[in-house]
Amino acid sequence: MEALKKQFAEKLDEKDRELIEQFISKVVESKKYKKLRDELNERREDIKKGDVISFDEFFKDV
C-alpha cells in the first residue's frame, strides 16, 4: 500500500500534493480523532521503546 501511495504522490504536481497534505492534516486534527491523538501522545515514549498495545486492545474502548 505504501508503495502505491508513493507512486501516486510522485505523479501529482506540487500544488495538488500540497492540497492533499492540507486535507490529511485537517482530517487528522479533527475532533473525531482527538482520542486517538491523545492516546498516541500519552504513549509516545512506550512506542519508541516498542512497548505497544494491540489494535484490538486500543479499539475495544472506542
C-alpha atoms as a PDB file:
ATOM      1  CA  MET A   1       0.000   0.000   0.000  1.00  0.00           C
ATOM      2  CA  GLU A   2       2.805   2.419   0.874  1.00  0.00           C
ATOM      3  CA  ALA A   3       4.461   1.832  -2.491  1.00  0.00           C
ATOM      4  CA  LEU A   4       1.180   2.572  -4.247  1.00  0.00           C
ATOM      5  CA  LYS A   5       0.751   5.790  -2.253  1.00  0.00           C
ATOM      6  CA  LYS A   6       4.276   6.855  -3.114  1.00  0.00           C
ATOM      7  CA  GLN A   7       3.760   6.136  -6.828  1.00  0.00           C
ATOM      8  CA  PHE A   8       0.539   8.152  -6.811  1.00  0.00           C
ATOM      9  CA  ALA A   9       2.096  11.073  -4.930  1.00  0.00           C
ATOM     10  CA  GLU A  10       5.021  11.190  -7.327  1.00  0.00           C
ATOM     11  CA  LYS A  11       2.645  11.711 -10.260  1.00  0.00           C
ATOM     12  CA  LEU A  12       0.967  14.744  -8.680  1.00  0.00           C
ATOM     13  CA  ASP A  13       2.175  18.245  -9.299  1.00  0.00           C
ATOM     14  CA  GLU A  14       3.321  20.296  -6.314  1.00  0.00           C
ATOM     15  CA  LYS A  15       0.045  22.234  -5.959  1.00  0.00           C
ATOM     16  CA  ASP A  16      -2.097  19.063  -5.852  1.00  0.00           C
ATOM     17  CA  ARG A  17       0.305  17.408  -3.417  1.00  0.00           C
ATOM     18  CA  GLU A  18       0.017  20.409  -1.098  1.00  0.00           C
ATOM     19  CA  LEU A  19      -3.795  20.293  -1.275  1.00  0.00           C
ATOM     20  CA  ILE A  20      -3.818  16.622  -0.324  1.00  0.00           C
ATOM     21  CA  GLU A  21      -1.397  17.245   2.544  1.00  0.00           C
ATOM     22  CA  GLN A  22      -3.655  20.046   3.825  1.00  0.00           C
ATOM     23  CA  PHE A  23      -6.701  17.774   3.608  1.00  0.00           C
ATOM     24  CA  ILE A  24      -4.948  14.987   5.503  1.00  0.00           C
ATOM     25  CA  SER A  25      -3.813  17.451   8.166  1.00  0.00           C
ATOM     26  CA  LYS A  26      -7.375  18.706   8.652  1.00  0.00           C
ATOM     27  CA  VAL A  27      -8.741  15.170   8.943  1.00  0.00           C
ATOM     28  CA  VAL A  28      -6.065  14.124  11.419  1.00  0.00           C
ATOM     29  CA  GLU A  29      -6.594  17.261  13.511  1.00  0.00           C
ATOM     30  CA  SER A  30     -10.369  16.900  13.524  1.00  0.00           C
ATOM     31  CA  LYS A  31     -12.301  16.327  16.734  1.00  0.00           C
ATOM     32  CA  LYS A  32     -13.171  12.826  15.519  1.00  0.00           C
ATOM     33  CA  TYR A  33      -9.570  11.643  16.006  1.00  0.00           C
ATOM     34  CA  LYS A  34      -8.823  13.507  19.246  1.00  0.00           C
ATOM     35  CA  LYS A  35      -8.973  10.348  21.374  1.00  0.00           C
ATOM     36  CA  LEU A  36      -6.515   8.580  19.081  1.00  0.00           C
ATOM     37  CA  ARG A  37      -4.095  11.540  19.090  1.00  0.00           C
ATOM     38  CA  ASP A  38      -4.315  11.798  22.871  1.00  0.00           C
ATOM     39  CA  GLU A  39      -3.594   8.084  23.289  1.00  0.00           C
ATOM     40  CA  LEU A  40      -0.607   8.275  20.951  1.00  0.00           C
ATOM     41  CA  ASN A  41       0.792  11.331  22.715  1.00  0.00           C
ATOM     42  CA  GLU A  42       0.456   9.632  26.112  1.00  0.00           C
ATOM     43  CA  ARG A  43       2.201   6.510  24.868  1.00  0.00           C
ATOM     44  CA  ARG A  44       4.868   8.155  22.692  1.00  0.00           C
ATOM     45  CA  GLU A  45       7.766   7.002  24.903  1.00  0.00           C
ATOM     46  CA  ASP A  46       6.406   3.449  25.114  1.00  0.00           C
ATOM     47  CA  ILE A  47       6.011   3.407  21.357  1.00  0.00           C
ATOM     48  CA  LYS A  48       9.642   4.483  20.872  1.00  0.00           C
ATOM     49  CA  LYS A  49      10.712   1.554  23.080  1.00  0.00           C
ATOM     50  CA  GLY A  50       8.472  -0.851  21.133  1.00  0.00           C
ATOM     51  CA  ASP A  51       6.096  -1.385  24.059  1.00  0.00           C
ATOM     52  CA  VAL A  52       2.772  -1.102  22.220  1.00  0.00           C
ATOM     53  CA  ILE A  53      -0.788  -2.332  22.654  1.00  0.00           C
ATOM     54  CA  SER A  54      -2.568  -4.367  20.023  1.00  0.00           C
ATOM     55  CA  PHE A  55      -5.109  -2.954  17.592  1.00  0.00           C
ATOM     56  CA  ASP A  56      -7.922  -4.825  19.360  1.00  0.00           C
ATOM     57  CA  GLU A  57      -6.838  -3.585  22.793  1.00  0.00           C
ATOM     58  CA  PHE A  58      -6.885   0.008  21.636  1.00  0.00           C
ATOM     59  CA  PHE A  59     -10.217  -0.065  19.812  1.00  0.00           C
ATOM     60  CA  LYS A  60     -12.175  -2.071  22.366  1.00  0.00           C
ATOM     61  CA  ASP A  61     -12.942   1.191  24.219  1.00  0.00           C
ATOM     62  CA  VAL A  62     -13.637   3.342  21.169  1.00  0.00           C
END
